[in-house]
Amino acid sequence: MIYLDNAATTFPKPESVYAAMDKFLREKCANPGRAGHRMSVETEQEIEKARVTLAKFLGIKHPERMVFTFNATDALNIGIKGLLCEGDHVITSKLEHNSVSRPLAGLEKYGVITVTRVANSDDGFINANDIRNAIESNTKLIACTHASNVLGTIQPIREIGKVAREKEIVFMVDAAQTVGVCDIDIEVQNVDMLAFTGHKGPFGPPGSGGLYVGENVKLRAWREGGTGFEPESLSQPDTLPFMLESGTPNSVGIVGLRTGIEFCIKEGIDKIRTHERNLALRLVKALESDDRFKIYGSKDENEKVGIVSLNIKGFDSGEVGAILDNRYNVAVRPGMHCAPHIHREIGTFPEGMIRISPGYFNTVNDIEETITGLKAIADSA
């Protein structure tokens, strides 16, 4: 299988991730913080080691503000629903994944909040001035993606964060497509909350992720229960990270996430991104002058993560995906990618498009074989 769906989940994982998770499950996988025996203590130590690694990786000064979640969707829901109150106004964009759009739409539907969705440019970018112009007296949150999961375009979060800081508004970033692929420093980029998943750029397993909660952010716990901290109290602890980490954690997933991040550090973010960008660029260059193909968003790979979204004229994206899978053994992602607003904006609703997302373990030969398959499908029209 030529796997080109890394924007959904990276595959394969580094061998070190498989080995670390296997070793942990066999030797240490007890319940952390709930007992005093050696295995429990060692499990807690592994989790805290992961917390410190991630904090350092993302420029977080206080590791306890790095909360482990089950994925980016979980993190975004914790942040959005833990922050917003009746009467609040939120600014977001039309580029967002449903992990941002649906929680906001749900609160909007029930009359809890109001939402402004700023448009993006034709090539897929948000303008910080549009964010500034949308601010109202009751704006509580600005929430936007770091990189579009549909177009791959990297947004100017530093500039947007600067606007939020000037107006004392909480700025939340969905970094599902960028952690492990782009350099992130929450202080430099003015980020108050950062949500990410472990199974994409960090090379971790499904069921892992995190939420950074800045010092100026006060959240309500939306999941309450056992934490191993203050067990005598019937009230949820108000101390991070315990306040937001109720229940037995995915400790083996956290170990895998930490090991994946360590792999990113060892290889180098610039090296990883350059490899993925070059593969995506090779694909674009092979198809952009062929008028049978429509490529969406910016074609400048310096402004994007490794995502190329396209359609073949006369073909449904699902049909193309099935042919690539069954005839050419190439895995891509057809459809709407859980982001209906941007598909409406670019005219691909409801049919969607084909998303091709090379990863660090893909090769030039993988891309050449995919180009051959795409052109053969176009020839068959």
Protein backbone atom coordinates (compact mmCIF):
# COMPACT_ATOMS: atom_id res chain seq x y z
CA MET A 1 0.00 0.00 0.00
CA ILE A 2 1.23 3.50 -0.88
CA TYR A 3 -0.21 5.37 2.07
CA LEU A 4 -0.91 9.04 1.31
CA ASP A 5 -3.48 9.85 4.01
CA ASN A 6 -1.10 11.20 6.64
CA ALA A 7 -3.24 14.29 7.28
CA ALA A 8 -5.79 11.86 8.78
CA THR A 9 -3.32 9.61 10.63
CA THR A 10 0.39 9.14 10.04
CA PHE A 11 1.44 5.65 8.97
CA PRO A 12 3.70 3.91 9.61
CA LYS A 13 4.93 5.05 12.99
CA PRO A 14 8.64 5.13 13.84
CA GLU A 15 9.87 1.77 15.08
CA SER A 16 10.77 3.41 18.41
CA VAL A 17 7.07 4.17 19.04
CA TYR A 18 6.05 0.54 18.56
CA ALA A 19 8.88 -0.64 20.81
CA ALA A 20 8.19 1.86 23.60
CA MET A 21 4.47 1.06 23.73
CA ASP A 22 5.09 -2.68 23.70
CA LYS A 23 7.66 -2.45 26.49
CA PHE A 24 5.42 -0.21 28.60
CA LEU A 25 2.37 -2.49 28.24
CA ARG A 26 4.42 -5.52 29.23
CA GLU A 27 6.34 -3.99 32.15
CA LYS A 28 4.73 -0.88 33.65
CA CYS A 29 1.11 -0.47 32.64
CA ALA A 30 -0.49 0.14 36.05
CA ASN A 31 -2.90 2.88 37.12
CA PRO A 32 -0.94 6.10 37.78
CA GLY A 33 -1.49 8.15 40.90
CA ARG A 34 -4.00 5.74 42.43
CA ALA A 35 -1.66 3.55 44.45
CA GLY A 36 1.73 3.61 46.14
CA HIS A 37 3.23 0.48 44.62
CA ARG A 38 6.21 0.59 42.32
CA MET A 39 4.41 0.01 39.02
CA SER A 40 1.92 2.78 39.76
CA VAL A 41 4.70 5.22 40.62
CA GLU A 42 6.66 4.28 37.50
CA THR A 43 3.58 4.81 35.31
CA GLU A 44 3.03 8.25 36.83
CA GLN A 45 6.68 9.08 36.18
CA GLU A 46 6.35 8.08 32.53
CA ILE A 47 3.34 10.37 32.11
CA GLU A 48 5.08 13.30 33.77
CA LYS A 49 8.14 12.72 31.60
CA ALA A 50 5.86 12.99 28.57
CA ARG A 51 4.29 16.17 29.93
CA VAL A 52 7.69 17.82 30.35
CA THR A 53 8.82 16.68 26.87
CA LEU A 54 5.73 18.16 25.23
CA ALA A 55 5.94 21.39 27.21
CA LYS A 56 9.54 21.93 26.12
CA PHE A 57 8.68 21.03 22.53
CA LEU A 58 5.89 23.64 22.36
CA GLY A 59 7.57 26.41 24.36
CA ILE A 60 5.36 25.95 27.42
CA LYS A 61 6.97 27.30 30.59
CA HIS A 62 4.79 25.43 33.08
CA PRO A 63 4.39 21.73 32.22
CA GLU A 64 1.37 21.31 34.51
CA ARG A 65 -0.57 23.46 32.03
CA MET A 66 -0.09 20.73 29.40
CA VAL A 67 -3.20 18.56 29.80
CA PHE A 68 -3.44 15.13 28.18
CA THR A 69 -6.58 14.42 26.15
CA PHE A 70 -7.79 11.61 23.91
CA ASN A 71 -7.41 13.58 20.64
CA ALA A 72 -7.72 17.11 19.27
CA THR A 73 -11.53 16.92 19.24
CA ASP A 74 -11.53 16.13 22.95
CA ALA A 75 -9.11 18.99 23.62
CA LEU A 76 -11.15 21.49 21.60
CA ASN A 77 -14.37 20.53 23.37
CA ILE A 78 -12.70 20.85 26.78
CA GLY A 79 -11.44 24.32 25.88
CA ILE A 80 -14.55 25.65 24.14
CA LYS A 81 -17.18 24.29 26.53
CA GLY A 82 -15.07 24.93 29.59
CA LEU A 83 -14.58 28.61 28.72
CA LEU A 84 -17.74 29.96 27.13
CA CYS A 85 -20.76 31.26 29.03
CA GLU A 86 -24.17 32.56 28.08
CA GLY A 87 -23.93 35.82 26.16
CA ASP A 88 -20.37 35.32 24.90
CA HIS A 89 -19.34 36.05 21.32
CA VAL A 90 -16.83 33.92 19.38
CA ILE A 91 -14.84 34.67 16.25
CA THR A 92 -13.78 31.75 14.09
CA SER A 93 -13.17 31.07 10.39
CA LYS A 94 -14.72 29.18 7.51
CA LEU A 95 -11.61 27.00 7.28
CA GLU A 96 -12.39 25.11 10.47
CA HIS A 97 -12.72 21.38 10.97
CA ASN A 98 -15.98 20.23 12.54
CA SER A 99 -14.07 19.71 15.80
CA VAL A 100 -14.23 23.51 16.13
CA SER A 101 -17.35 24.23 14.07
CA ARG A 102 -19.72 21.72 15.72
CA PRO A 103 -19.13 22.65 19.38
CA LEU A 104 -19.60 26.31 18.46
CA ALA A 105 -22.65 25.60 16.29
CA GLY A 106 -24.21 23.56 19.09
CA LEU A 107 -23.81 26.35 21.64
CA GLU A 108 -25.07 28.82 19.04
CA LYS A 109 -28.12 26.68 18.25
CA TYR A 110 -29.21 26.67 21.89
CA GLY A 111 -28.77 30.41 22.21
CA VAL A 112 -25.78 30.29 24.55
CA ILE A 113 -23.34 32.17 22.31
CA THR A 114 -23.15 34.11 19.05
CA VAL A 115 -20.55 33.31 16.39
CA THR A 116 -18.89 35.28 13.60
CA ARG A 117 -17.18 33.20 10.90
CA VAL A 118 -14.68 35.25 8.93
CA ALA A 119 -14.03 34.34 5.31
CA ASN A 120 -10.66 33.37 3.91
CA SER A 121 -8.89 34.52 0.74
CA ASP A 122 -9.32 32.56 -2.48
CA ASP A 123 -6.02 30.79 -1.89
CA GLY A 124 -6.97 29.77 1.66
CA PHE A 125 -5.71 32.29 4.23
CA ILE A 126 -7.29 34.25 7.08
CA ASN A 127 -6.46 37.94 7.41
CA ALA A 128 -5.75 39.15 10.95
CA ASN A 129 -7.45 42.47 10.16
CA ASP A 130 -10.69 40.62 9.39
CA ILE A 131 -10.45 39.10 12.86
CA ARG A 132 -9.87 42.55 14.35
CA ASN A 133 -12.86 44.01 12.52
CA ALA A 134 -15.14 41.22 13.79
CA ILE A 135 -14.45 41.90 17.48
CA GLU A 136 -17.46 42.93 19.56
CA SER A 137 -17.75 44.14 23.14
CA ASN A 138 -18.64 40.62 24.32
CA THR A 139 -16.08 38.67 22.27
CA LYS A 140 -14.65 36.01 24.60
CA LEU A 141 -12.81 33.69 22.23
CA ILE A 142 -11.01 33.67 18.90
CA ALA A 143 -10.67 30.08 17.66
CA CYS A 144 -8.93 29.11 14.44
CA THR A 145 -6.95 26.38 12.77
CA HIS A 146 -3.19 26.60 12.42
CA ALA A 147 -3.30 24.77 9.09
CA SER A 148 -6.41 23.86 7.11
CA ASN A 149 -7.00 20.13 6.95
CA VAL A 150 -8.59 20.67 3.52
CA LEU A 151 -6.16 23.06 1.80
CA GLY A 152 -3.06 22.69 4.00
CA THR A 153 -2.61 26.47 4.18
CA ILE A 154 -0.76 27.69 7.28
CA GLN A 155 -2.53 30.58 8.99
CA PRO A 156 -0.87 33.70 10.50
CA ILE A 157 -1.52 32.70 14.09
CA ARG A 158 1.15 34.99 15.49
CA GLU A 159 -0.58 38.03 13.98
CA ILE A 160 -4.04 36.82 15.00
CA GLY A 161 -2.75 36.11 18.51
CA LYS A 162 -1.33 39.63 18.70
CA VAL A 163 -4.79 41.05 17.95
CA ALA A 164 -6.28 38.82 20.65
CA ARG A 165 -3.66 39.92 23.21
CA GLU A 166 -4.25 43.60 22.46
CA LYS A 167 -7.98 43.13 23.08
CA GLU A 168 -7.54 40.70 26.01
CA ILE A 169 -9.47 37.96 24.22
CA VAL A 170 -8.63 34.27 24.62
CA PHE A 171 -6.95 32.85 21.49
CA MET A 172 -7.38 29.13 20.85
CA VAL A 173 -5.50 27.31 18.08
CA ASP A 174 -6.41 23.98 16.52
CA ALA A 175 -2.94 22.56 15.79
CA ALA A 176 -4.08 19.10 14.70
CA GLN A 177 -2.23 19.45 11.38
CA THR A 178 0.89 21.24 12.60
CA VAL A 179 2.30 19.79 15.83
CA GLY A 180 5.29 17.72 14.76
CA VAL A 181 5.36 19.39 11.34
CA CYS A 182 5.71 23.13 12.02
CA ASP A 183 7.70 25.01 14.64
CA ILE A 184 5.36 26.08 17.45
CA ASP A 185 6.15 28.33 20.39
CA ILE A 186 3.03 29.36 22.29
CA GLU A 187 4.73 32.41 23.81
CA VAL A 188 6.11 33.75 20.52
CA GLN A 189 2.83 33.05 18.71
CA ASN A 190 0.59 34.56 21.43
CA VAL A 191 -1.44 31.38 21.97
CA ASP A 192 -3.70 31.00 25.04
CA MET A 193 -5.00 27.50 24.29
CA LEU A 194 -3.50 24.98 21.89
CA ALA A 195 -5.26 21.73 20.98
CA PHE A 196 -3.53 18.89 19.15
CA THR A 197 -3.73 15.19 18.47
CA GLY A 198 -1.04 12.56 18.86
CA HIS A 199 -1.81 10.33 15.88
CA LYS A 200 -0.82 12.78 13.14
CA GLY A 201 2.41 14.82 13.06
CA PRO A 202 3.71 13.62 16.45
CA PHE A 203 3.71 9.98 15.16
CA GLY A 204 1.83 8.82 18.27
CA PRO A 205 -1.08 6.37 18.46
CA PRO A 206 -4.80 7.11 18.13
CA GLY A 207 -6.39 8.07 21.43
CA SER A 208 -3.66 10.51 22.44
CA GLY A 209 -3.47 14.29 22.34
CA GLY A 210 -3.29 17.39 24.47
CA LEU A 211 -4.53 20.84 25.41
CA TYR A 212 -2.33 23.67 26.56
CA VAL A 213 -4.17 26.01 28.94
CA GLY A 214 -2.57 29.42 29.37
CA GLU A 215 -2.27 31.21 32.69
CA ASN A 216 -4.91 33.78 31.77
CA VAL A 217 -7.48 31.08 30.90
CA LYS A 218 -9.98 29.84 33.47
CA LEU A 219 -11.86 26.72 32.45
CA ARG A 220 -14.65 24.70 34.01
CA ALA A 221 -14.08 20.95 34.10
CA TRP A 222 -16.50 19.25 31.73
CA ARG A 223 -15.44 15.73 32.75
CA GLU A 224 -15.40 15.02 36.49
CA GLY A 225 -14.30 11.96 38.43
CA GLY A 226 -11.28 10.20 39.83
CA THR A 227 -7.93 11.91 39.49
CA GLY A 228 -5.79 10.36 42.21
CA PHE A 229 -5.45 13.93 43.55
CA GLU A 230 -7.44 15.09 46.59
CA PRO A 231 -9.39 11.79 46.67
CA GLU A 232 -11.09 12.74 49.94
CA SER A 233 -12.98 15.62 48.28
CA LEU A 234 -16.30 15.34 46.46
CA SER A 235 -15.40 18.42 44.42
CA GLN A 236 -13.32 18.33 41.27
CA PRO A 237 -9.79 19.65 41.96
CA ASP A 238 -9.14 23.13 40.61
CA THR A 239 -5.43 22.41 40.17
CA LEU A 240 -4.02 21.66 36.72
CA PRO A 241 -3.54 19.21 35.18
CA PHE A 242 -5.76 17.15 37.51
CA MET A 243 -8.82 19.36 37.00
CA LEU A 244 -9.03 18.32 33.35
CA GLU A 245 -7.67 14.75 33.48
CA SER A 246 -10.36 12.74 35.23
CA GLY A 247 -10.45 8.99 34.74
CA THR A 248 -7.78 6.44 33.97
CA PRO A 249 -5.53 7.99 31.31
CA ASN A 250 -4.38 6.37 28.10
CA SER A 251 -0.97 5.88 29.64
CA VAL A 252 0.38 3.62 26.90
CA GLY A 253 -0.81 6.15 24.32
CA ILE A 254 0.93 8.96 26.21
CA VAL A 255 4.17 6.95 26.19
CA GLY A 256 3.76 6.46 22.44
CA LEU A 257 3.07 10.17 21.97
CA ARG A 258 6.18 11.12 23.94
CA THR A 259 8.30 8.71 21.91
CA GLY A 260 6.90 10.12 18.68
CA ILE A 261 7.74 13.66 19.77
CA GLU A 262 11.25 12.50 20.67
CA PHE A 263 11.53 11.12 17.13
CA CYS A 264 10.47 14.53 15.73
CA ILE A 265 13.10 16.25 17.86
CA LYS A 266 15.80 13.81 16.79
CA GLU A 267 14.98 14.05 13.07
CA GLY A 268 14.30 17.79 13.16
CA ILE A 269 11.07 19.60 12.35
CA ASP A 270 12.64 21.40 9.38
CA LYS A 271 13.80 18.11 7.88
CA ILE A 272 10.37 16.50 8.31
CA ARG A 273 8.49 19.45 6.83
CA THR A 274 10.94 19.87 3.95
CA HIS A 275 10.57 16.21 2.97
CA GLU A 276 6.76 16.34 3.02
CA ARG A 277 6.71 19.70 1.23
CA ASN A 278 9.01 18.46 -1.53
CA LEU A 279 6.84 15.42 -2.18
CA ALA A 280 3.71 17.59 -2.31
CA LEU A 281 5.48 20.04 -4.63
CA ARG A 282 6.47 17.22 -6.99
CA LEU A 283 2.83 16.21 -7.20
CA VAL A 284 1.65 19.77 -7.88
CA LYS A 285 4.28 20.40 -10.55
CA ALA A 286 3.27 17.23 -12.38
CA LEU A 287 -0.42 18.16 -12.52
CA GLU A 288 -0.84 21.95 -12.37
CA SER A 289 -0.46 22.54 -16.12
CA ASP A 290 -2.89 19.74 -17.01
CA ASP A 291 -6.33 21.31 -17.32
CA ARG A 292 -8.02 18.01 -16.49
CA PHE A 293 -6.97 18.56 -12.88
CA LYS A 294 -8.25 21.25 -10.52
CA ILE A 295 -5.89 21.96 -7.60
CA TYR A 296 -7.36 23.92 -4.69
CA GLY A 297 -5.77 26.57 -2.49
CA SER A 298 -2.28 28.02 -2.64
CA LYS A 299 0.23 26.17 -4.79
CA ASP A 300 3.13 27.66 -2.81
CA GLU A 301 4.32 24.76 -0.67
CA ASN A 302 6.24 27.16 1.60
CA GLU A 303 2.83 28.38 2.82
CA LYS A 304 1.41 24.92 3.43
CA VAL A 305 1.80 21.64 5.23
CA GLY A 306 2.10 18.57 2.99
CA ILE A 307 -1.45 18.52 1.64
CA VAL A 308 -2.51 18.61 -2.01
CA SER A 309 -6.26 18.77 -2.67
CA LEU A 310 -7.59 18.25 -6.17
CA ASN A 311 -10.32 16.90 -8.41
CA ILE A 312 -10.25 15.28 -11.83
CA LYS A 313 -12.76 16.81 -14.21
CA GLY A 314 -15.60 14.41 -14.95
CA PHE A 315 -14.94 12.20 -11.93
CA ASP A 316 -16.44 12.05 -8.45
CA SER A 317 -13.79 12.19 -5.72
CA GLY A 318 -15.07 8.98 -4.16
CA GLU A 319 -14.75 7.20 -7.49
CA VAL A 320 -11.16 8.38 -7.88
CA GLY A 321 -10.31 7.30 -4.34
CA ALA A 322 -11.75 3.83 -4.94
CA ILE A 323 -9.86 3.39 -8.23
CA LEU A 324 -6.57 4.49 -6.67
CA ASP A 325 -7.12 2.07 -3.80
CA ASN A 326 -8.29 -0.97 -5.74
CA ARG A 327 -6.30 -0.64 -8.97
CA TYR A 328 -3.14 1.22 -7.92
CA ASN A 329 -2.88 0.33 -4.21
CA VAL A 330 -2.74 4.03 -3.27
CA ALA A 331 -4.58 5.31 -0.17
CA VAL A 332 -5.89 8.89 -0.33
CA ARG A 333 -8.83 10.70 1.29
CA PRO A 334 -11.83 11.59 -0.90
CA GLY A 335 -14.88 13.52 0.29
CA MET A 336 -15.52 16.54 2.48
CA HIS A 337 -12.96 16.05 5.25
CA CYS A 338 -15.35 17.17 8.04
CA ALA A 339 -15.08 20.83 7.00
CA PRO A 340 -18.31 21.86 5.22
CA HIS A 341 -17.83 25.63 5.46
CA ILE A 342 -14.65 25.69 3.36
CA HIS A 343 -16.09 23.25 0.83
CA ARG A 344 -18.99 25.64 0.30
CA GLU A 345 -16.53 28.53 -0.06
CA ILE A 346 -14.46 26.84 -2.77
CA GLY A 347 -17.36 25.20 -4.61
CA THR A 348 -16.76 21.55 -3.74
CA PHE A 349 -19.88 21.03 -1.61
CA PRO A 350 -21.22 18.37 -1.31
CA GLU A 351 -19.05 16.27 -3.64
CA GLY A 352 -15.77 17.09 -1.90
CA MET A 353 -12.29 16.52 -3.29
CA ILE A 354 -9.33 14.17 -3.23
CA ARG A 355 -6.82 14.99 -0.49
CA ILE A 356 -3.32 13.61 -0.93
CA SER A 357 -1.05 14.01 2.09
CA PRO A 358 2.48 12.60 1.88
CA GLY A 359 4.26 11.77 5.11
CA TYR A 360 7.84 11.51 6.33
CA PHE A 361 8.09 7.84 5.36
CA ASN A 362 6.85 8.29 1.80
CA THR A 363 9.26 8.29 -1.12
CA VAL A 364 9.57 10.02 -4.48
CA ASN A 365 8.65 6.70 -6.10
CA ASP A 366 5.36 6.70 -4.14
CA ILE A 367 4.52 10.08 -5.63
CA GLU A 368 5.52 9.04 -9.16
CA GLU A 369 3.29 5.96 -8.99
CA THR A 370 0.43 8.11 -7.70
CA ILE A 371 0.89 10.60 -10.55
CA THR A 372 0.80 7.71 -13.00
CA GLY A 373 -2.44 6.45 -11.49
CA LEU A 374 -4.09 9.89 -11.48
CA LYS A 375 -3.18 10.53 -15.11
CA ALA A 376 -4.42 7.09 -16.14
CA ILE A 377 -7.76 7.81 -14.47
CA ALA A 378 -7.98 11.17 -16.29
CA ASP A 379 -7.11 9.43 -19.59
CA SER A 380 -10.03 7.02 -19.12
CA ALA A 381 -12.64 9.80 -19.20
